[in-house]
């Protein structure tokens, strides 16, 4: 069954997962090892037509994306930000330091 011929909307996702599984079983790579690899490797791999390399590229791309979302989710919640802002405002009222609009952003 040729995976590249599948053109259903979810084919890409399925192919990626399959690629990850295939690669893990083949190379016994840990997830963190895949995280470390950089985008250049992916693009190099894309130019070659071997399935194993393309599988690796897919897995790397997926993991890179996951890392990115994880980094974005580390941002403190709106409530925390608001609380900090309120604290700063209160200090300003007490004359500790100048309140400028840039601090509220």
N, C-alpha and C. Protein backbone atom coordinates (compact mmCIF):
# COMPACT_ATOMS: atom_id res chain seq x y z
N UNK A 1 0.85 -1.20 0.00
CA UNK A 1 0.00 0.00 0.00
C UNK A 1 0.88 1.25 0.00
N UNK A 2 0.74 2.05 -1.02
CA UNK A 2 1.57 3.24 -1.11
C UNK A 2 0.91 4.40 -0.36
N UNK A 3 1.58 4.84 0.70
CA UNK A 3 0.98 5.87 1.56
C UNK A 3 0.88 7.21 0.86
N UNK A 4 1.82 7.50 -0.03
CA UNK A 4 1.84 8.82 -0.65
C UNK A 4 0.64 9.03 -1.58
N UNK A 5 -0.04 7.94 -1.96
CA UNK A 5 -1.19 8.08 -2.85
C UNK A 5 -2.46 8.47 -2.10
N UNK A 6 -2.48 8.24 -0.78
CA UNK A 6 -3.66 8.58 0.02
C UNK A 6 -3.82 10.08 0.09
N UNK A 7 -4.98 10.57 -0.30
CA UNK A 7 -5.15 12.02 -0.30
C UNK A 7 -6.34 12.46 0.56
N UNK A 8 -6.72 11.65 1.53
CA UNK A 8 -7.79 12.05 2.44
C UNK A 8 -7.27 13.16 3.36
N UNK A 9 -8.16 13.97 3.93
CA UNK A 9 -7.73 15.09 4.76
C UNK A 9 -6.78 14.68 5.88
N UNK A 10 -7.05 13.52 6.49
CA UNK A 10 -6.25 13.11 7.63
C UNK A 10 -5.03 12.27 7.25
N UNK A 11 -4.86 12.07 5.96
CA UNK A 11 -3.78 11.20 5.51
C UNK A 11 -2.44 11.67 6.05
N UNK A 12 -2.25 13.00 6.06
CA UNK A 12 -0.98 13.55 6.51
C UNK A 12 -0.69 13.16 7.95
N UNK A 13 -1.71 13.30 8.80
CA UNK A 13 -1.54 12.98 10.21
C UNK A 13 -1.23 11.50 10.38
N UNK A 14 -2.02 10.68 9.68
CA UNK A 14 -1.84 9.25 9.81
C UNK A 14 -0.44 8.86 9.36
N UNK A 15 -0.03 9.46 8.26
CA UNK A 15 1.27 9.13 7.71
C UNK A 15 2.36 9.50 8.71
N UNK A 16 2.17 10.67 9.36
CA UNK A 16 3.15 11.13 10.34
C UNK A 16 3.29 10.16 11.49
N UNK A 17 2.14 9.72 12.01
CA UNK A 17 2.14 8.81 13.15
C UNK A 17 2.79 7.49 12.75
N UNK A 18 2.43 7.04 11.57
CA UNK A 18 2.98 5.79 11.06
C UNK A 18 4.49 5.92 10.95
N UNK A 19 4.90 7.07 10.43
CA UNK A 19 6.33 7.32 10.25
C UNK A 19 7.04 7.26 11.59
N UNK A 20 6.43 7.90 12.58
CA UNK A 20 7.04 7.90 13.91
C UNK A 20 7.19 6.48 14.43
N UNK A 21 6.12 5.69 14.29
CA UNK A 21 6.15 4.33 14.81
C UNK A 21 7.24 3.53 14.11
N UNK A 22 7.26 3.67 12.77
CA UNK A 22 8.20 2.92 11.96
C UNK A 22 9.63 3.25 12.38
N UNK A 23 9.84 4.53 12.57
CA UNK A 23 11.19 5.00 12.88
C UNK A 23 11.63 4.55 14.26
N UNK A 24 10.71 4.59 15.21
CA UNK A 24 11.05 4.19 16.58
C UNK A 24 11.46 2.73 16.60
N UNK A 25 10.66 1.90 15.90
CA UNK A 25 10.95 0.47 15.94
C UNK A 25 12.26 0.19 15.22
N UNK A 26 12.53 0.97 14.15
CA UNK A 26 13.73 0.72 13.36
C UNK A 26 14.99 1.17 14.10
N UNK A 27 14.98 2.42 14.54
CA UNK A 27 16.20 3.00 15.10
C UNK A 27 16.22 2.95 16.62
N UNK A 28 15.07 2.58 17.22
CA UNK A 28 14.94 2.60 18.68
C UNK A 28 15.37 3.95 19.23
N UNK A 29 14.91 4.99 18.56
CA UNK A 29 15.28 6.34 18.99
C UNK A 29 14.34 6.80 20.09
N UNK A 30 14.89 7.46 21.07
CA UNK A 30 14.04 8.03 22.09
C UNK A 30 13.46 9.33 21.56
N UNK A 31 12.37 9.77 22.16
CA UNK A 31 11.73 11.00 21.69
C UNK A 31 12.68 12.18 21.79
N UNK A 32 13.42 12.25 22.89
CA UNK A 32 14.30 13.40 23.12
C UNK A 32 15.36 13.49 22.03
N UNK A 33 15.83 12.34 21.55
CA UNK A 33 16.82 12.35 20.47
C UNK A 33 16.23 13.02 19.24
N UNK A 34 14.97 12.72 18.97
CA UNK A 34 14.32 13.32 17.80
C UNK A 34 14.15 14.81 18.00
N UNK A 35 13.87 15.23 19.27
CA UNK A 35 13.70 16.65 19.55
C UNK A 35 14.97 17.41 19.18
N UNK A 36 16.13 16.79 19.48
CA UNK A 36 17.40 17.49 19.33
C UNK A 36 17.72 17.81 17.88
N UNK A 37 17.27 16.96 16.97
CA UNK A 37 17.61 17.17 15.56
C UNK A 37 17.00 18.47 15.05
N UNK A 38 17.69 19.10 14.13
CA UNK A 38 17.23 20.43 13.69
C UNK A 38 16.57 20.36 12.32
N UNK A 39 16.02 21.50 11.92
CA UNK A 39 15.23 21.55 10.70
C UNK A 39 16.05 21.24 9.45
N UNK A 40 17.32 21.63 9.47
CA UNK A 40 18.17 21.37 8.30
C UNK A 40 18.15 19.90 7.94
N UNK A 41 18.24 19.08 8.96
CA UNK A 41 18.20 17.63 8.74
C UNK A 41 16.93 17.23 8.02
N UNK A 42 15.83 17.82 8.45
CA UNK A 42 14.54 17.49 7.84
C UNK A 42 14.57 17.81 6.36
N UNK A 43 15.04 19.01 6.04
CA UNK A 43 15.04 19.42 4.64
C UNK A 43 15.99 18.57 3.82
N UNK A 44 17.13 18.22 4.40
CA UNK A 44 18.06 17.31 3.71
C UNK A 44 17.36 16.00 3.41
N UNK A 45 16.70 15.49 4.43
CA UNK A 45 16.03 14.19 4.31
C UNK A 45 14.93 14.24 3.25
N UNK A 46 14.24 15.38 3.16
CA UNK A 46 13.15 15.51 2.21
C UNK A 46 13.62 15.35 0.77
N UNK A 47 14.85 15.80 0.52
CA UNK A 47 15.35 15.73 -0.85
C UNK A 47 15.62 14.28 -1.27
N UNK A 48 15.99 13.45 -0.30
CA UNK A 48 16.19 12.04 -0.63
C UNK A 48 14.85 11.33 -0.68
N UNK A 49 14.82 10.22 -1.43
CA UNK A 49 13.53 9.57 -1.64
C UNK A 49 13.37 8.27 -0.84
N UNK A 50 14.35 7.95 -0.02
CA UNK A 50 14.22 6.71 0.76
C UNK A 50 13.13 6.87 1.81
N UNK A 51 12.31 5.83 1.97
CA UNK A 51 11.18 5.92 2.90
C UNK A 51 11.65 6.14 4.33
N UNK A 52 12.68 5.44 4.74
CA UNK A 52 13.12 5.55 6.13
C UNK A 52 13.52 6.99 6.46
N UNK A 53 14.20 7.61 5.52
CA UNK A 53 14.64 8.99 5.74
C UNK A 53 13.44 9.92 5.78
N UNK A 54 12.48 9.69 4.87
CA UNK A 54 11.29 10.53 4.85
C UNK A 54 10.49 10.34 6.13
N UNK A 55 10.47 9.12 6.62
CA UNK A 55 9.77 8.83 7.86
C UNK A 55 10.39 9.62 9.00
N UNK A 56 11.71 9.61 9.01
CA UNK A 56 12.42 10.34 10.06
C UNK A 56 12.10 11.82 9.98
N UNK A 57 12.10 12.35 8.76
CA UNK A 57 11.80 13.77 8.57
C UNK A 57 10.43 14.10 9.12
N UNK A 58 9.46 13.24 8.83
CA UNK A 58 8.10 13.48 9.32
C UNK A 58 8.08 13.48 10.84
N UNK A 59 8.75 12.51 11.43
CA UNK A 59 8.77 12.40 12.89
C UNK A 59 9.41 13.64 13.50
N UNK A 60 10.50 14.09 12.88
CA UNK A 60 11.20 15.28 13.39
C UNK A 60 10.30 16.50 13.31
N UNK A 61 9.62 16.63 12.20
CA UNK A 61 8.73 17.78 12.00
C UNK A 61 7.64 17.77 13.06
N UNK A 62 7.03 16.62 13.28
CA UNK A 62 5.96 16.49 14.27
C UNK A 62 6.47 16.90 15.65
N UNK A 63 7.63 16.36 16.01
CA UNK A 63 8.16 16.63 17.34
C UNK A 63 8.53 18.09 17.52
N UNK A 64 9.06 18.68 16.46
CA UNK A 64 9.43 20.09 16.53
C UNK A 64 8.18 20.93 16.79
N UNK A 65 7.09 20.58 16.10
CA UNK A 65 5.83 21.30 16.28
C UNK A 65 5.33 21.15 17.71
N UNK A 66 5.41 19.91 18.24
CA UNK A 66 4.96 19.66 19.60
C UNK A 66 5.75 20.51 20.59
N UNK A 67 7.06 20.57 20.40
CA UNK A 67 7.91 21.37 21.28
C UNK A 67 7.48 22.83 21.25
N UNK A 68 7.19 23.32 20.04
CA UNK A 68 6.80 24.72 19.87
C UNK A 68 5.54 25.02 20.67
N UNK A 69 4.52 24.15 20.55
CA UNK A 69 3.27 24.40 21.28
C UNK A 69 3.52 24.31 22.78
N UNK A 70 4.38 23.40 23.19
CA UNK A 70 4.68 23.27 24.61
C UNK A 70 5.27 24.58 25.13
N UNK A 71 6.17 25.17 24.34
CA UNK A 71 6.83 26.41 24.74
C UNK A 71 5.79 27.53 24.86
N UNK A 72 4.83 27.55 23.94
CA UNK A 72 3.81 28.59 23.98
C UNK A 72 2.90 28.43 25.20
N UNK A 73 2.67 27.18 25.59
CA UNK A 73 1.78 26.93 26.72
C UNK A 73 2.43 27.26 28.06
N UNK A 74 3.74 27.51 28.05
CA UNK A 74 4.42 27.84 29.30
C UNK A 74 4.07 29.25 29.79
N UNK A 75 3.46 30.05 28.92
CA UNK A 75 3.12 31.43 29.28
C UNK A 75 2.15 31.43 30.46
N UNK A 76 2.34 32.31 31.44
CA UNK A 76 1.44 32.34 32.59
C UNK A 76 0.01 32.69 32.16
N UNK A 77 -0.94 32.24 32.95
CA UNK A 77 -2.34 32.46 32.58
C UNK A 77 -2.69 33.93 32.68
N UNK A 78 -3.79 34.28 32.02
CA UNK A 78 -4.25 35.68 32.00
C UNK A 78 -4.44 36.19 33.42
N UNK A 79 -4.96 35.32 34.29
CA UNK A 79 -5.24 35.74 35.67
C UNK A 79 -3.95 36.17 36.36
N UNK A 80 -2.89 35.38 36.17
CA UNK A 80 -1.61 35.70 36.80
C UNK A 80 -1.09 37.03 36.27
N UNK A 81 -1.18 37.20 34.96
CA UNK A 81 -0.70 38.44 34.34
C UNK A 81 -1.47 39.63 34.90
N UNK A 82 -2.80 39.48 34.98
CA UNK A 82 -3.64 40.58 35.48
C UNK A 82 -3.27 40.93 36.92
N UNK A 83 -3.06 39.88 37.73
CA UNK A 83 -2.73 40.10 39.13
C UNK A 83 -1.42 40.88 39.24
N UNK A 84 -0.44 40.46 38.43
CA UNK A 84 0.86 41.14 38.46
C UNK A 84 0.70 42.59 38.06
N UNK A 85 -0.15 42.81 37.06
CA UNK A 85 -0.39 44.16 36.58
C UNK A 85 -1.00 45.02 37.68
N UNK A 86 -2.00 44.45 38.38
CA UNK A 86 -2.66 45.16 39.47
C UNK A 86 -1.66 45.54 40.55
N UNK A 87 -0.77 44.60 40.86
CA UNK A 87 0.26 44.83 41.87
C UNK A 87 1.14 46.01 41.48
N UNK A 88 1.52 46.04 40.21
CA UNK A 88 2.37 47.12 39.71
C UNK A 88 1.65 48.45 39.84
N UNK A 89 0.36 48.45 39.50
CA UNK A 89 -0.44 49.67 39.56
C UNK A 89 -0.49 50.19 41.00
N UNK A 90 -0.69 49.26 41.93
CA UNK A 90 -0.78 49.64 43.34
C UNK A 90 0.53 50.28 43.79
N UNK A 91 1.65 49.69 43.39
CA UNK A 91 2.95 50.24 43.76
C UNK A 91 3.10 51.65 43.21
N UNK A 92 2.60 51.85 41.99
CA UNK A 92 2.70 53.16 41.37
C UNK A 92 1.91 54.19 42.18
N UNK A 93 0.72 53.77 42.62
CA UNK A 93 -0.10 54.70 43.40
C UNK A 93 0.62 55.09 44.68
N UNK A 94 1.39 54.12 45.21
CA UNK A 94 2.12 54.40 46.43
C UNK A 94 3.38 55.21 46.14
N UNK A 95 3.61 55.49 44.86
CA UNK A 95 4.75 56.34 44.48
C UNK A 95 6.07 55.60 44.40
N UNK A 96 6.02 54.28 44.32
CA UNK A 96 7.28 53.52 44.25
C UNK A 96 7.96 53.73 42.89
N UNK A 97 7.17 53.55 41.82
CA UNK A 97 7.74 53.86 40.51
C UNK A 97 6.65 54.34 39.58
N UNK A 98 7.06 54.94 38.45
CA UNK A 98 6.11 55.57 37.52
C UNK A 98 5.29 54.53 36.78
N UNK A 99 4.01 54.73 36.72
CA UNK A 99 3.16 53.86 35.92
C UNK A 99 3.14 54.39 34.49
N UNK A 100 3.57 53.56 33.56
CA UNK A 100 3.47 53.93 32.15
C UNK A 100 2.64 52.88 31.45
N UNK A 101 2.09 53.25 30.32
CA UNK A 101 1.19 52.35 29.61
C UNK A 101 1.93 51.07 29.18
N UNK A 102 3.23 51.19 28.92
CA UNK A 102 3.97 50.04 28.41
C UNK A 102 3.96 48.89 29.41
N UNK A 103 3.82 49.18 30.69
CA UNK A 103 3.81 48.12 31.68
C UNK A 103 2.51 47.31 31.63
N UNK A 104 1.46 47.95 31.15
CA UNK A 104 0.17 47.24 31.13
C UNK A 104 0.08 46.30 29.93
N UNK A 105 0.97 46.47 28.97
CA UNK A 105 0.90 45.60 27.80
C UNK A 105 1.60 44.28 28.07
